Amino acid sequence: MDTYLIIDPDECIDCGACVPECPVEAIFADTDVPDEEEEWIDKNETESADAPIAEGDSPVLGS
């Protein structure tokens, strides 16, 4: 299974702090999402409802 973070669109404050932290450059402002990545918008919204919250030194975050 691939490991990736899910961004809850209801909790995101659009500060952009996560954008430079993504090692694969996969985070975009909602107005800048490339057409080929738009499917991830709905996936993030759906999966964020049940996803655990990564905080602090989370192994998912690579810390």
PDB file of N, CA and C in Angstrom:
ATOM      1  N   MET A   1       0.840  -1.189   0.000  1.00  0.00           N
ATOM      2  CA  MET A   1       0.000   0.000   0.000  1.00  0.00           C
ATOM      3  C   MET A   1       0.881   1.247   0.000  1.00  0.00           C
ATOM      4  N   ASP A   2       0.521   2.220  -0.790  1.00  0.00           N
ATOM      5  CA  ASP A   2       1.249   3.483  -0.810  1.00  0.00           C
ATOM      6  C   ASP A   2       0.963   4.267   0.462  1.00  0.00           C
ATOM      7  N   THR A   3       1.937   5.034   0.885  1.00  0.00           N
ATOM      8  CA  THR A   3       1.763   5.898   2.042  1.00  0.00           C
ATOM      9  C   THR A   3       1.641   7.331   1.547  1.00  0.00           C
ATOM     10  N   TYR A   4       0.600   7.997   1.987  1.00  0.00           N
ATOM     11  CA  TYR A   4       0.419   9.388   1.616  1.00  0.00           C
ATOM     12  C   TYR A   4      -0.416  10.074   2.678  1.00  0.00           C
ATOM     13  N   LEU A   5      -0.310  11.371   2.749  1.00  0.00           N
ATOM     14  CA  LEU A   5      -1.099  12.150   3.683  1.00  0.00           C
ATOM     15  C   LEU A   5      -2.372  12.606   2.999  1.00  0.00           C
ATOM     16  N   ILE A   6      -3.411  12.713   3.785  1.00  0.00           N
ATOM     17  CA  ILE A   6      -4.700  13.177   3.290  1.00  0.00           C
ATOM     18  C   ILE A   6      -4.969  14.524   3.939  1.00  0.00           C
ATOM     19  N   ILE A   7      -5.295  15.504   3.160  1.00  0.00           N
ATOM     20  CA  ILE A   7      -5.576  16.837   3.685  1.00  0.00           C
ATOM     21  C   ILE A   7      -7.083  17.025   3.752  1.00  0.00           C
ATOM     22  N   ASP A   8      -7.572  17.302   4.958  1.00  0.00           N
ATOM     23  CA  ASP A   8      -9.000  17.536   5.167  1.00  0.00           C
ATOM     24  C   ASP A   8      -9.325  18.948   4.674  1.00  0.00           C
ATOM     25  N   PRO A   9     -10.114  19.081   3.621  1.00  0.00           N
ATOM     26  CA  PRO A   9     -10.396  20.411   3.081  1.00  0.00           C
ATOM     27  C   PRO A   9     -11.177  21.296   4.049  1.00  0.00           C
ATOM     28  N   ASP A  10     -11.885  20.694   4.997  1.00  0.00           N
ATOM     29  CA  ASP A  10     -12.625  21.493   5.978  1.00  0.00           C
ATOM     30  C   ASP A  10     -11.712  22.048   7.066  1.00  0.00           C
ATOM     31  N   GLU A  11     -10.579  21.398   7.303  1.00  0.00           N
ATOM     32  CA  GLU A  11      -9.631  21.838   8.326  1.00  0.00           C
ATOM     33  C   GLU A  11      -8.498  22.686   7.755  1.00  0.00           C
ATOM     34  N   CYS A  12      -8.241  22.556   6.475  1.00  0.00           N
ATOM     35  CA  CYS A  12      -7.156  23.298   5.831  1.00  0.00           C
ATOM     36  C   CYS A  12      -7.464  24.799   5.864  1.00  0.00           C
ATOM     37  N   ILE A  13      -6.470  25.584   6.282  1.00  0.00           N
ATOM     38  CA  ILE A  13      -6.657  27.038   6.326  1.00  0.00           C
ATOM     39  C   ILE A  13      -5.962  27.738   5.151  1.00  0.00           C
ATOM     40  N   ASP A  14      -5.529  26.963   4.174  1.00  0.00           N
ATOM     41  CA  ASP A  14      -4.908  27.497   2.958  1.00  0.00           C
ATOM     42  C   ASP A  14      -3.687  28.377   3.228  1.00  0.00           C
ATOM     43  N   CYS A  15      -2.894  27.993   4.234  1.00  0.00           N
ATOM     44  CA  CYS A  15      -1.703  28.788   4.557  1.00  0.00           C
ATOM     45  C   CYS A  15      -0.532  28.452   3.642  1.00  0.00           C
ATOM     46  N   GLY A  16      -0.563  27.265   3.017  1.00  0.00           N
ATOM     47  CA  GLY A  16       0.495  26.865   2.102  1.00  0.00           C
ATOM     48  C   GLY A  16       1.731  26.291   2.763  1.00  0.00           C
ATOM     49  N   ALA A  17       1.744  26.159   4.085  1.00  0.00           N
ATOM     50  CA  ALA A  17       2.926  25.655   4.790  1.00  0.00           C
ATOM     51  C   ALA A  17       3.272  24.224   4.391  1.00  0.00           C
ATOM     52  N   CYS A  18       2.311  23.434   3.991  1.00  0.00           N
ATOM     53  CA  CYS A  18       2.555  22.036   3.640  1.00  0.00           C
ATOM     54  C   CYS A  18       3.176  21.882   2.248  1.00  0.00           C
ATOM     55  N   VAL A  19       2.971  22.851   1.378  1.00  0.00           N
ATOM     56  CA  VAL A  19       3.426  22.733  -0.011  1.00  0.00           C
ATOM     57  C   VAL A  19       4.930  22.466  -0.119  1.00  0.00           C
ATOM     58  N   PRO A  20       5.796  23.261   0.508  1.00  0.00           N
ATOM     59  CA  PRO A  20       7.233  22.983   0.379  1.00  0.00           C
ATOM     60  C   PRO A  20       7.693  21.756   1.168  1.00  0.00           C
ATOM     61  N   GLU A  21       6.857  21.250   2.070  1.00  0.00           N
ATOM     62  CA  GLU A  21       7.216  20.080   2.877  1.00  0.00           C
ATOM     63  C   GLU A  21       6.976  18.765   2.154  1.00  0.00           C
ATOM     64  N   CYS A  22       6.187  18.773   1.095  1.00  0.00           N
ATOM     65  CA  CYS A  22       5.856  17.542   0.381  1.00  0.00           C
ATOM     66  C   CYS A  22       7.045  17.098  -0.471  1.00  0.00           C
ATOM     67  N   PRO A  23       7.601  15.902  -0.179  1.00  0.00           N
ATOM     68  CA  PRO A  23       8.794  15.454  -0.907  1.00  0.00           C
ATOM     69  C   PRO A  23       8.549  15.115  -2.376  1.00  0.00           C
ATOM     70  N   VAL A  24       7.297  14.912  -2.760  1.00  0.00           N
ATOM     71  CA  VAL A  24       7.010  14.573  -4.157  1.00  0.00           C
ATOM     72  C   VAL A  24       6.241  15.686  -4.875  1.00  0.00           C
ATOM     73  N   GLU A  25       6.192  16.856  -4.254  1.00  0.00           N
ATOM     74  CA  GLU A  25       5.538  18.030  -4.839  1.00  0.00           C
ATOM     75  C   GLU A  25       4.114  17.732  -5.304  1.00  0.00           C
ATOM     76  N   ALA A  26       3.347  17.083  -4.417  1.00  0.00           N
ATOM     77  CA  ALA A  26       1.995  16.662  -4.773  1.00  0.00           C
ATOM     78  C   ALA A  26       0.906  17.512  -4.125  1.00  0.00           C
ATOM     79  N   ILE A  27       1.279  18.597  -3.465  1.00  0.00           N
ATOM     80  CA  ILE A  27       0.287  19.448  -2.819  1.00  0.00           C
ATOM     81  C   ILE A  27       0.183  20.748  -3.608  1.00  0.00           C
ATOM     82  N   PHE A  28      -1.055  21.108  -3.930  1.00  0.00           N
ATOM     83  CA  PHE A  28      -1.318  22.311  -4.706  1.00  0.00           C
ATOM     84  C   PHE A  28      -2.436  23.106  -4.046  1.00  0.00           C
ATOM     85  N   ALA A  29      -2.444  24.408  -4.255  1.00  0.00           N
ATOM     86  CA  ALA A  29      -3.608  25.203  -3.883  1.00  0.00           C
ATOM     87  C   ALA A  29      -4.779  24.674  -4.701  1.00  0.00           C
ATOM     88  N   ASP A  30      -5.976  24.733  -4.141  1.00  0.00           N
ATOM     89  CA  ASP A  30      -7.115  24.138  -4.853  1.00  0.00           C
ATOM     90  C   ASP A  30      -7.346  24.763  -6.224  1.00  0.00           C
ATOM     91  N   THR A  31      -6.897  25.969  -6.420  1.00  0.00           N
ATOM     92  CA  THR A  31      -7.060  26.618  -7.726  1.00  0.00           C
ATOM     93  C   THR A  31      -5.949  26.264  -8.710  1.00  0.00           C
ATOM     94  N   ASP A  32      -4.904  25.561  -8.225  1.00  0.00           N
ATOM     95  CA  ASP A  32      -3.753  25.228  -9.072  1.00  0.00           C
ATOM     96  C   ASP A  32      -3.575  23.735  -9.328  1.00  0.00           C
ATOM     97  N   VAL A  33      -4.567  22.932  -8.981  1.00  0.00           N
ATOM     98  CA  VAL A  33      -4.441  21.481  -9.154  1.00  0.00           C
ATOM     99  C   VAL A  33      -4.427  21.148 -10.651  1.00  0.00           C
ATOM    100  N   PRO A  34      -3.380  20.450 -11.114  1.00  0.00           N
ATOM    101  CA  PRO A  34      -3.339  20.058 -12.532  1.00  0.00           C
ATOM    102  C   PRO A  34      -4.512  19.132 -12.876  1.00  0.00           C
ATOM    103  N   ASP A  35      -4.971  19.200 -14.093  1.00  0.00           N
ATOM    104  CA  ASP A  35      -6.112  18.384 -14.524  1.00  0.00           C
ATOM    105  C   ASP A  35      -5.919  16.910 -14.200  1.00  0.00           C
ATOM    106  N   GLU A  36      -4.709  16.388 -14.405  1.00  0.00           N
ATOM    107  CA  GLU A  36      -4.468  14.959 -14.188  1.00  0.00           C
ATOM    108  C   GLU A  36      -4.460  14.572 -12.709  1.00  0.00           C
ATOM    109  N   GLU A  37      -4.499  15.552 -11.813  1.00  0.00           N
ATOM    110  CA  GLU A  37      -4.496  15.274 -10.372  1.00  0.00           C
ATOM    111  C   GLU A  37      -5.831  15.600  -9.701  1.00  0.00           C
ATOM    112  N   GLU A  38      -6.809  16.074 -10.455  1.00  0.00           N
ATOM    113  CA  GLU A  38      -8.070  16.512  -9.870  1.00  0.00           C
ATOM    114  C   GLU A  38      -8.835  15.410  -9.150  1.00  0.00           C
ATOM    115  N   GLU A  39      -8.634  14.149  -9.534  1.00  0.00           N
ATOM    116  CA  GLU A  39      -9.322  13.045  -8.862  1.00  0.00           C
ATOM    117  C   GLU A  39      -8.977  13.000  -7.371  1.00  0.00           C
ATOM    118  N   TRP A  40      -7.807  13.521  -7.003  1.00  0.00           N
ATOM    119  CA  TRP A  40      -7.369  13.502  -5.605  1.00  0.00           C
ATOM    120  C   TRP A  40      -8.172  14.456  -4.729  1.00  0.00           C
ATOM    121  N   ILE A  41      -8.815  15.453  -5.311  1.00  0.00           N
ATOM    122  CA  ILE A  41      -9.613  16.393  -4.528  1.00  0.00           C
ATOM    123  C   ILE A  41     -10.743  15.651  -3.829  1.00  0.00           C
ATOM    124  N   ASP A  42     -11.527  14.890  -4.579  1.00  0.00           N
ATOM    125  CA  ASP A  42     -12.630  14.126  -3.987  1.00  0.00           C
ATOM    126  C   ASP A  42     -12.112  13.036  -3.062  1.00  0.00           C
ATOM    127  N   LYS A  43     -11.013  12.400  -3.447  1.00  0.00           N
ATOM    128  CA  LYS A  43     -10.436  11.336  -2.620  1.00  0.00           C
ATOM    129  C   LYS A  43     -10.015  11.892  -1.258  1.00  0.00           C
ATOM    130  N   ASN A  44      -9.361  13.045  -1.236  1.00  0.00           N
ATOM    131  CA  ASN A  44      -8.976  13.666   0.032  1.00  0.00           C
ATOM    132  C   ASN A  44     -10.190  13.975   0.886  1.00  0.00           C
ATOM    133  N   GLU A  45     -11.217  14.529   0.278  1.00  0.00           N
ATOM    134  CA  GLU A  45     -12.408  14.892   1.041  1.00  0.00           C
ATOM    135  C   GLU A  45     -13.077  13.657   1.634  1.00  0.00           C
ATOM    136  N   THR A  46     -13.198  12.598   0.853  1.00  0.00           N
ATOM    137  CA  THR A  46     -13.837  11.367   1.316  1.00  0.00           C
ATOM    138  C   THR A  46     -13.013  10.669   2.387  1.00  0.00           C
ATOM    139  N   GLU A  47     -11.724  10.482   2.122  1.00  0.00           N
ATOM    140  CA  GLU A  47     -10.878   9.723   3.044  1.00  0.00           C
ATOM    141  C   GLU A  47     -10.517  10.490   4.310  1.00  0.00           C
ATOM    142  N   SER A  48     -10.554  11.810   4.275  1.00  0.00           N
ATOM    143  CA  SER A  48     -10.172  12.582   5.453  1.00  0.00           C
ATOM    144  C   SER A  48     -11.147  12.383   6.607  1.00  0.00           C
ATOM    145  N   ALA A  49     -12.369  11.990   6.309  1.00  0.00           N
ATOM    146  CA  ALA A  49     -13.355  11.772   7.368  1.00  0.00           C
ATOM    147  C   ALA A  49     -12.956  10.636   8.302  1.00  0.00           C
ATOM    148  N   ASP A  50     -12.255   9.635   7.795  1.00  0.00           N
ATOM    149  CA  ASP A  50     -11.886   8.467   8.597  1.00  0.00           C
ATOM    150  C   ASP A  50     -10.390   8.337   8.853  1.00  0.00           C
ATOM    151  N   ALA A  51      -9.597   9.227   8.315  1.00  0.00           N
ATOM    152  CA  ALA A  51      -8.141   9.112   8.441  1.00  0.00           C
ATOM    153  C   ALA A  51      -7.666   9.595   9.807  1.00  0.00           C
ATOM    154  N   PRO A  52      -6.630   8.941  10.348  1.00  0.00           N
ATOM    155  CA  PRO A  52      -6.058   9.424  11.609  1.00  0.00           C
ATOM    156  C   PRO A  52      -5.329  10.747  11.378  1.00  0.00           C
ATOM    157  N   ILE A  53      -5.196  11.515  12.427  1.00  0.00           N
ATOM    158  CA  ILE A  53      -4.506  12.796  12.333  1.00  0.00           C
ATOM    159  C   ILE A  53      -3.033  12.592  12.648  1.00  0.00           C
ATOM    160  N   ALA A  54      -2.166  12.989  11.744  1.00  0.00           N
ATOM    161  CA  ALA A  54      -0.714  12.882  11.948  1.00  0.00           C
ATOM    162  C   ALA A  54      -0.243  14.140  12.662  1.00  0.00           C
ATOM    163  N   GLU A  55       0.392  13.943  13.800  1.00  0.00           N
ATOM    164  CA  GLU A  55       0.889  15.079  14.575  1.00  0.00           C
ATOM    165  C   GLU A  55       2.297  14.795  15.076  1.00  0.00           C
ATOM    166  N   GLY A  56       3.041  15.843  15.332  1.00  0.00           N
ATOM    167  CA  GLY A  56       4.362  15.700  15.934  1.00  0.00           C
ATOM    168  C   GLY A  56       5.307  14.882  15.089  1.00  0.00           C
ATOM    169  N   ASP A  57       6.006  13.929  15.725  1.00  0.00           N
ATOM    170  CA  ASP A  57       6.993  13.091  15.043  1.00  0.00           C
ATOM    171  C   ASP A  57       6.337  11.852  14.456  1.00  0.00           C
ATOM    172  N   SER A  58       5.487  12.058  13.496  1.00  0.00           N
ATOM    173  CA  SER A  58       4.779  10.956  12.862  1.00  0.00           C
ATOM    174  C   SER A  58       5.683  10.246  11.864  1.00  0.00           C
ATOM    175  N   PRO A  59       5.730   8.895  11.898  1.00  0.00           N
ATOM    176  CA  PRO A  59       6.528   8.170  10.908  1.00  0.00           C
ATOM    177  C   PRO A  59       6.055   8.424   9.478  1.00  0.00           C
ATOM    178  N   VAL A  60       4.793   8.727   9.305  1.00  0.00           N
ATOM    179  CA  VAL A  60       4.260   9.018   7.974  1.00  0.00           C
ATOM    180  C   VAL A  60       4.890  10.294   7.436  1.00  0.00           C
ATOM    181  N   LEU A  61       5.203  11.207   8.334  1.00  0.00           N
ATOM    182  CA  LEU A  61       5.786  12.475   7.923  1.00  0.00           C
ATOM    183  C   LEU A  61       7.287  12.397   7.720  1.00  0.00           C
ATOM    184  N   GLY A  62       7.860  11.244   8.039  1.00  0.00           N
ATOM    185  CA  GLY A  62       9.284  11.070   7.840  1.00  0.00           C
ATOM    186  C   GLY A  62      10.142  11.671   8.932  1.00  0.00           C
ATOM    187  N   SER A  63       9.539  11.968  10.074  1.00  0.00           N
ATOM    188  CA  SER A  63      10.290  12.561  11.189  1.00  0.00           C
ATOM    189  C   SER A  63      10.707  11.515  12.187  1.00  0.00           C
TER     190      SER A  63
END
